[in-house]
Protein backbone atom coordinates (compact mmCIF):
# COMPACT_ATOMS: atom_id res chain seq x y z
CA MET A 1 -32.77 -48.72 -133.87
CA ASN A 2 -31.04 -51.60 -134.89
CA LYS A 3 -32.41 -51.27 -139.01
CA SER A 4 -31.94 -55.33 -139.16
CA PHE A 5 -34.75 -56.42 -137.22
CA PHE A 6 -37.40 -55.40 -139.14
CA ALA A 7 -36.40 -57.74 -142.12
CA GLY A 8 -38.23 -60.66 -141.48
CA LEU A 9 -41.36 -58.53 -142.32
CA LEU A 10 -41.12 -59.19 -145.87
CA MET A 11 -41.00 -62.68 -145.95
CA ALA A 12 -43.84 -62.80 -143.43
CA ALA A 13 -47.54 -63.44 -143.76
CA LEU A 14 -49.47 -60.72 -142.04
CA VAL A 15 -51.99 -62.80 -141.60
CA LEU A 16 -51.64 -64.12 -138.52
CA VAL A 17 -52.81 -67.07 -137.43
CA GLY A 18 -55.51 -66.95 -133.98
CA CYS A 19 -55.24 -63.02 -134.29
CA GLY A 20 -58.46 -61.35 -135.35
CA GLN A 21 -59.03 -57.48 -135.44
CA ARG A 22 -59.84 -56.04 -132.16
CA ALA A 23 -61.73 -52.93 -131.74
CA ILE A 24 -61.12 -49.83 -129.87
CA THR A 25 -62.62 -50.39 -126.28
CA PRO A 26 -62.72 -47.76 -123.19
CA ALA A 27 -60.78 -48.91 -120.84
CA SER A 28 -61.78 -50.74 -117.62
CA THR A 29 -62.31 -48.16 -114.67
CA GLY A 30 -64.25 -50.71 -112.39
CA GLU A 31 -67.72 -49.66 -110.79
CA ASP A 32 -67.23 -46.21 -110.83
CA VAL A 33 -66.73 -45.81 -114.52
CA PRO A 34 -66.62 -41.96 -116.03
CA PRO A 35 -69.49 -40.66 -118.25
CA ASN A 36 -66.61 -41.16 -121.02
CA PRO A 37 -64.30 -43.17 -120.75
CA PRO A 38 -60.88 -42.87 -122.37
CA ALA A 39 -60.33 -44.89 -125.32
CA THR A 40 -57.20 -47.95 -125.22
CA VAL A 41 -55.29 -48.51 -128.05
CA THR A 42 -51.63 -49.88 -128.25
CA LEU A 43 -48.42 -49.14 -130.20
CA MET A 44 -45.70 -51.27 -131.14
CA LEU A 45 -42.79 -49.76 -131.07
CA ASP A 46 -39.81 -51.03 -133.94
CA TRP A 47 -37.05 -51.80 -131.52
CA VAL A 48 -36.18 -50.92 -128.05
CA PRO A 49 -37.18 -47.82 -126.80
CA ASN A 50 -34.84 -45.11 -127.91
CA VAL A 51 -34.62 -41.42 -129.65
CA ASN A 52 -36.84 -42.34 -132.67
CA HIS A 53 -39.75 -42.75 -130.22
CA THR A 54 -38.99 -39.63 -127.97
CA GLY A 55 -41.87 -38.05 -128.39
CA ILE A 56 -44.35 -40.72 -127.77
CA PHE A 57 -42.66 -41.30 -124.44
CA VAL A 58 -43.51 -37.44 -124.13
CA ALA A 59 -46.62 -37.25 -124.65
CA GLN A 60 -47.43 -40.64 -122.21
CA ASP A 61 -45.29 -39.01 -119.56
CA GLN A 62 -46.23 -35.98 -120.00
CA GLY A 63 -50.24 -37.30 -120.04
CA TYR A 64 -51.07 -35.27 -123.47
CA PHE A 65 -52.64 -39.16 -124.22
CA ALA A 66 -54.82 -38.35 -121.21
CA ASP A 67 -55.33 -35.28 -122.49
CA GLU A 68 -56.74 -36.66 -125.81
CA GLY A 69 -59.17 -39.13 -123.64
CA LEU A 70 -56.33 -41.84 -125.15
CA SER A 71 -55.24 -44.89 -122.13
CA VAL A 72 -52.26 -46.00 -124.87
CA ASN A 73 -50.62 -49.34 -124.25
CA ILE A 74 -46.95 -49.14 -125.60
CA ILE A 75 -45.26 -52.12 -126.82
CA GLN A 76 -41.80 -53.81 -128.49
CA PRO A 77 -41.85 -56.38 -131.10
CA GLY A 78 -41.33 -59.79 -130.46
CA GLU A 79 -42.11 -62.19 -132.42
CA VAL A 80 -44.15 -60.35 -134.69
CA ILE A 81 -43.59 -57.19 -135.40
CA ALA A 82 -45.20 -53.67 -135.98
CA GLU A 83 -46.17 -54.06 -139.17
CA GLN A 84 -48.20 -57.82 -138.69
CA ALA A 85 -49.16 -56.06 -135.28
CA VAL A 86 -50.88 -53.40 -137.45
CA ALA A 87 -52.00 -55.08 -140.10
CA SER A 88 -53.69 -57.78 -138.03
CA GLY A 89 -55.87 -56.05 -135.84
CA SER A 90 -53.23 -56.85 -132.35
CA ALA A 91 -52.24 -53.11 -132.82
CA GLU A 92 -53.90 -49.86 -133.91
CA PHE A 93 -50.86 -48.32 -134.90
CA GLY A 94 -46.71 -49.25 -134.99
CA ILE A 95 -43.82 -47.60 -136.04
CA SER A 96 -42.55 -48.78 -139.73
CA PHE A 97 -40.41 -47.25 -142.01
CA GLN A 98 -41.25 -46.30 -146.07
CA GLU A 99 -39.71 -49.01 -147.10
CA GLN A 100 -41.10 -51.68 -145.98
CA VAL A 101 -45.18 -49.59 -146.72
CA THR A 102 -43.88 -49.13 -149.88
CA LEU A 103 -42.60 -52.98 -150.70
CA LEU A 104 -46.39 -53.79 -149.22
CA HIS A 105 -48.22 -51.76 -151.27
CA ALA A 106 -46.06 -52.71 -154.52
CA GLY A 107 -47.50 -56.37 -153.36
CA GLY A 108 -50.61 -55.76 -153.14
CA ASP A 109 -51.08 -55.15 -149.41
CA SER A 110 -52.53 -51.67 -149.46
CA GLN A 111 -53.79 -51.65 -145.73
CA LEU A 112 -51.07 -49.63 -143.81
CA VAL A 113 -51.38 -45.91 -143.86
CA SER A 114 -48.37 -43.41 -143.11
CA LEU A 115 -49.93 -41.04 -140.43
CA ALA A 116 -46.71 -39.25 -139.58
CA ALA A 117 -42.82 -39.16 -140.58
CA ILE A 118 -40.64 -38.99 -137.02
CA PHE A 119 -37.75 -37.03 -139.36
CA GLN A 120 -38.38 -34.67 -141.64
CA HIS A 121 -34.87 -36.61 -144.00
CA ASN A 122 -33.46 -39.93 -143.62
CA THR A 123 -31.21 -40.78 -140.96
CA SER A 124 -29.80 -43.77 -142.02
CA GLY A 125 -25.96 -44.48 -143.44
CA PHE A 126 -23.46 -46.46 -143.91
CA ALA A 127 -20.77 -46.86 -141.33
CA THR A 128 -17.17 -48.28 -141.94
CA ARG A 129 -14.46 -48.86 -139.53
CA ALA A 130 -11.68 -45.87 -139.58
CA ASP A 131 -9.29 -48.16 -140.64
CA THR A 132 -10.78 -49.72 -143.85
CA GLY A 133 -9.58 -45.66 -144.99
CA ALA A 134 -12.85 -46.30 -146.82
CA SER A 135 -14.35 -42.51 -147.25
CA SER A 136 -16.86 -42.98 -150.28
CA PRO A 137 -19.29 -45.59 -151.20
CA ALA A 138 -16.73 -45.67 -154.29
CA GLU A 139 -14.32 -47.76 -151.18
CA TRP A 140 -16.52 -49.54 -150.35
CA ALA A 141 -15.01 -52.15 -153.17
CA GLY A 142 -13.56 -55.08 -151.20
CA LEU A 143 -15.42 -54.42 -148.31
CA THR A 144 -17.78 -56.65 -146.28
CA TYR A 145 -21.44 -55.74 -145.42
CA GLY A 146 -24.04 -57.75 -143.17
CA SER A 147 -26.88 -57.34 -144.37
CA PHE A 148 -30.54 -57.74 -142.35
CA GLY A 149 -31.64 -59.61 -145.54
CA SER A 150 -34.02 -57.09 -147.07
CA PRO A 151 -34.62 -56.48 -150.76
CA PHE A 152 -33.78 -52.67 -151.16
CA GLU A 153 -29.95 -53.36 -149.39
CA GLU A 154 -28.35 -54.93 -152.36
CA PRO A 155 -29.86 -51.91 -154.68
CA THR A 156 -29.18 -49.23 -152.45
CA LEU A 157 -25.41 -50.42 -152.20
CA GLU A 158 -25.02 -50.69 -155.79
CA ALA A 159 -26.78 -47.11 -156.86
CA LEU A 160 -24.77 -45.17 -153.87
CA MET A 161 -20.95 -47.05 -155.15
CA THR A 162 -21.97 -46.49 -159.02
CA CYS A 163 -23.10 -42.90 -158.35
CA ALA A 164 -19.55 -42.96 -157.13
CA GLY A 165 -17.88 -44.58 -159.42
CA GLY A 166 -17.09 -48.29 -157.23
CA ASP A 167 -17.60 -51.36 -158.64
CA PHE A 168 -20.20 -53.24 -156.88
CA ASP A 169 -19.64 -56.39 -158.36
CA GLN A 170 -15.95 -56.42 -155.52
CA LEU A 171 -18.04 -55.60 -152.49
CA THR A 172 -18.67 -58.90 -150.34
CA ILE A 173 -22.46 -59.42 -149.08
CA VAL A 174 -22.83 -61.57 -146.03
CA ASP A 175 -25.92 -62.62 -144.04
CA THR A 176 -25.86 -61.47 -140.37
CA GLY A 177 -29.38 -61.30 -139.60
CA PHE A 178 -30.09 -59.27 -136.61
CA SER A 179 -26.69 -59.04 -134.81
CA ASP A 180 -25.61 -55.99 -133.53
CA PRO A 181 -23.66 -53.86 -136.27
CA LEU A 182 -21.32 -52.28 -134.09
CA ALA A 183 -20.47 -55.53 -132.62
CA LEU A 184 -19.85 -57.13 -136.11
CA LEU A 185 -17.49 -53.78 -137.19
CA GLN A 186 -15.80 -54.02 -133.70
CA THR A 187 -15.00 -57.87 -133.95
CA GLN A 188 -13.92 -57.41 -137.85
CA GLN A 189 -16.62 -59.77 -139.42
CA ILE A 190 -17.81 -56.85 -141.17
CA ASP A 191 -16.56 -54.04 -142.72
CA LEU A 192 -19.82 -52.50 -143.53
CA ALA A 193 -23.48 -51.63 -142.17
CA TRP A 194 -26.44 -49.68 -142.94
CA ILE A 195 -27.18 -48.01 -139.11
CA PHE A 196 -29.53 -45.07 -138.12
CA PHE A 197 -26.66 -42.12 -137.25
CA GLY A 198 -28.94 -40.98 -134.23
CA THR A 199 -29.06 -44.46 -132.43
CA GLN A 200 -25.87 -46.10 -133.25
CA GLY A 201 -23.91 -43.73 -135.03
CA ILE A 202 -23.72 -41.65 -131.72
CA ALA A 203 -23.63 -44.41 -129.90
CA ALA A 204 -20.40 -45.10 -131.84
CA GLU A 205 -18.87 -41.96 -130.93
CA GLN A 206 -19.93 -42.44 -127.07
CA GLU A 207 -17.80 -45.59 -126.91
CA GLY A 208 -15.03 -44.27 -129.00
CA ILE A 209 -15.28 -46.80 -131.51
CA GLN A 210 -13.82 -44.60 -134.67
CA LEU A 211 -16.40 -44.93 -137.80
CA SER A 212 -16.74 -43.22 -140.90
CA THR A 213 -20.41 -42.66 -141.78
CA ILE A 214 -22.21 -42.13 -145.22
CA LEU A 215 -25.40 -40.33 -144.53
CA MET A 216 -28.08 -41.38 -147.06
CA SER A 217 -29.40 -37.92 -146.94
CA ASP A 218 -25.73 -36.77 -147.90
CA HIS A 219 -26.41 -38.62 -151.61
CA THR A 220 -30.06 -37.71 -152.81
CA ASP A 221 -28.60 -37.36 -155.94
CA CYS A 222 -28.38 -41.29 -155.90
CA ILE A 223 -31.43 -42.02 -154.23
CA PRO A 224 -34.11 -39.88 -153.28
CA ASP A 225 -35.02 -38.93 -149.74
CA TYR A 226 -37.53 -40.55 -148.07
CA TYR A 227 -39.17 -40.69 -144.17
CA THR A 228 -37.71 -43.29 -141.79
CA PRO A 229 -39.27 -44.18 -139.50
CA ILE A 230 -42.83 -43.14 -139.64
CA LEU A 231 -46.46 -44.17 -137.80
CA ILE A 232 -48.64 -46.09 -138.80
CA THR A 233 -52.07 -47.56 -138.44
CA ARG A 234 -54.24 -49.10 -140.96
CA GLN A 235 -56.90 -47.89 -142.90
CA GLN A 236 -59.75 -49.56 -141.06
CA ILE A 237 -58.86 -47.63 -138.55
CA ILE A 238 -59.06 -44.37 -140.28
CA ASP A 239 -62.05 -45.52 -141.69
CA GLU A 240 -63.56 -46.16 -138.86
CA THR A 241 -62.82 -44.01 -135.90
CA PRO A 242 -61.49 -41.17 -137.48
CA ASP A 243 -61.27 -39.41 -134.40
CA VAL A 244 -59.39 -41.55 -132.13
CA VAL A 245 -56.67 -41.24 -135.15
CA GLN A 246 -56.80 -37.57 -134.68
CA SER A 247 -56.39 -37.23 -131.04
CA PHE A 248 -53.27 -40.04 -131.20
CA VAL A 249 -51.69 -38.19 -133.85
CA ALA A 250 -52.45 -34.27 -131.77
CA ALA A 251 -50.89 -36.05 -128.47
CA VAL A 252 -47.66 -37.66 -130.63
CA SER A 253 -47.37 -34.34 -132.19
CA ARG A 254 -47.48 -32.63 -129.03
CA GLY A 255 -44.48 -35.12 -127.74
CA TYR A 256 -42.42 -34.96 -130.95
CA THR A 257 -42.59 -30.80 -130.51
CA TYR A 258 -41.26 -31.08 -126.95
CA ALA A 259 -39.01 -33.28 -127.75
CA ALA A 260 -37.57 -30.36 -130.40
CA GLU A 261 -37.48 -28.04 -128.74
CA HIS A 262 -36.31 -29.63 -125.01
CA PRO A 263 -33.94 -31.89 -125.42
CA ASP A 264 -32.05 -32.11 -122.44
CA GLU A 265 -35.96 -32.91 -120.96
CA ALA A 266 -37.19 -35.01 -122.98
CA ALA A 267 -34.20 -36.93 -122.72
CA ALA A 268 -34.69 -37.62 -119.12
CA ILE A 269 -38.08 -38.36 -120.01
CA LEU A 270 -37.09 -41.63 -122.43
CA PHE A 271 -34.49 -42.45 -120.06
CA LYS A 272 -36.80 -43.60 -117.43
CA ALA A 273 -38.41 -45.28 -120.06
CA ALA A 274 -35.38 -47.17 -121.06
CA PRO A 275 -33.33 -47.41 -118.14
CA GLU A 276 -31.35 -49.45 -119.17
CA SER A 277 -29.54 -47.03 -121.67
CA ASP A 278 -26.37 -45.44 -120.97
CA GLU A 279 -28.07 -41.81 -119.71
CA ALA A 280 -25.25 -39.78 -121.34
CA THR A 281 -25.32 -41.66 -124.40
CA LEU A 282 -29.21 -40.77 -124.61
CA ARG A 283 -28.49 -37.38 -124.22
CA ALA A 284 -26.07 -36.95 -126.75
CA GLN A 285 -28.44 -38.98 -129.16
CA GLN A 286 -31.15 -36.84 -128.25
CA GLU A 287 -29.34 -33.49 -128.47
CA TRP A 288 -28.79 -34.77 -132.07
CA SER A 289 -31.86 -35.37 -133.42
CA SER A 290 -34.44 -32.77 -131.18
CA PRO A 291 -33.35 -30.70 -133.98
CA ARG A 292 -34.09 -33.27 -137.02
CA TYR A 293 -37.56 -34.41 -136.09
CA GLN A 294 -39.09 -31.54 -137.50
CA ALA A 295 -35.93 -29.77 -139.40
CA GLU A 296 -37.34 -26.49 -142.15
CA ALA A 297 -40.45 -28.17 -142.22
CA ASP A 298 -43.71 -26.03 -141.14
CA ARG A 299 -45.18 -28.72 -138.58
CA TRP A 300 -43.25 -31.90 -137.10
CA GLY A 301 -45.13 -35.12 -139.36
CA GLU A 302 -45.49 -33.32 -142.33
CA GLN A 303 -45.20 -35.52 -145.39
CA THR A 304 -44.90 -34.93 -149.21
CA LEU A 305 -46.41 -37.36 -152.13
CA ALA A 306 -43.40 -35.91 -154.11
CA VAL A 307 -41.20 -37.74 -151.28
CA TRP A 308 -43.83 -41.10 -151.07
CA GLU A 309 -43.37 -41.28 -155.34
CA GLY A 310 -39.81 -40.60 -155.84
CA TYR A 311 -38.88 -43.08 -153.64
CA SER A 312 -41.39 -45.70 -155.03
CA GLN A 313 -39.92 -44.53 -158.71
CA TRP A 314 -36.55 -45.62 -158.00
CA MET A 315 -37.67 -48.76 -156.53
CA ASP A 316 -39.45 -48.99 -159.07
CA ASN A 317 -36.19 -48.13 -162.12
CA HIS A 318 -33.82 -50.63 -159.96
CA GLY A 319 -36.53 -53.85 -160.16
CA ILE A 320 -36.91 -53.98 -156.22
CA ILE A 321 -41.08 -53.10 -156.96
CA ASN A 322 -43.23 -54.14 -159.99
CA GLN A 323 -44.56 -50.81 -160.72
CA PRO A 324 -44.66 -47.80 -158.88
CA ILE A 325 -47.07 -48.07 -156.19
CA ASP A 326 -50.53 -44.61 -155.91
CA ALA A 327 -48.34 -42.99 -153.75
CA GLN A 328 -52.00 -41.33 -152.38
CA SER A 329 -52.99 -44.74 -150.60
CA ALA A 330 -49.95 -45.22 -148.65
CA PHE A 331 -49.77 -41.91 -146.54
CA THR A 332 -52.00 -38.99 -145.28
CA THR A 333 -51.87 -35.60 -143.81
CA GLU A 334 -55.12 -35.21 -142.89
CA PHE A 335 -54.16 -35.86 -138.70
CA LEU A 336 -51.69 -33.47 -138.21
CA PRO A 337 -52.29 -30.51 -136.45
């Protein structure tokens, strides 16, 4: 996934013109309607299909959604992104990030709720071209960073550089919007980019692009670990149709558990959903990602109050939000199998 895609959320209105909330309805099956037709729901991804989403496509391919009495439409974002779609009612579920949900709750919009962590630990990180010689955040001084326009970028960069003894004031930041960071690095338009290692990091390795990557999970002494990406819904769906939420999470959990245990088979399933991808790269990305979905947790999707509170407090300490959020309202684990 390109981490830059969701930048526009922070400035976008969550109430979409002409897009009212819709009820979950039984799927239409023509004249012969079964006694219990499947409930039809929509899931909006955060980007094009990739290894962050493998469990979802496994659940679709292996019939796990059908087993739970669901018909699921999986769609990609366009002018509307997942957080907007879920909040407005045009989708019941979406793929988001703890940073985004925290920012929304801090801004007074607490309708989005995280149902599961897709990875147990932050798999994003910062990549520089190998020819810069930078192997530590302290050595980012003098480089140019390509920004996707989020308020948590600069505090994150500053915290990492300061922790390593670097001078954040010596980092140049330019706005690159939704541009492909690997292409920007290759063409030397930027020296530093924020990526998901399991997608862009592995893709760079497969393409022979020489990068030096610093993972966020290796610097939790500077910035606490947090969940990214996450599976979200809105509180209204939980309140009105908890059985649908339960069924959906159960099917997705089966999908990611399968992907964790069978990376080759899962990669083949994902390739069917994303045939434009390079199959060898996809398999390498899946091999890297599969053991990280659940990691050391007792079950896939686990989330803890400590992680949500820790990152919220860090955002408050660094002036990204005005005060810590009520973290208990931002996530739930009640629907995890």
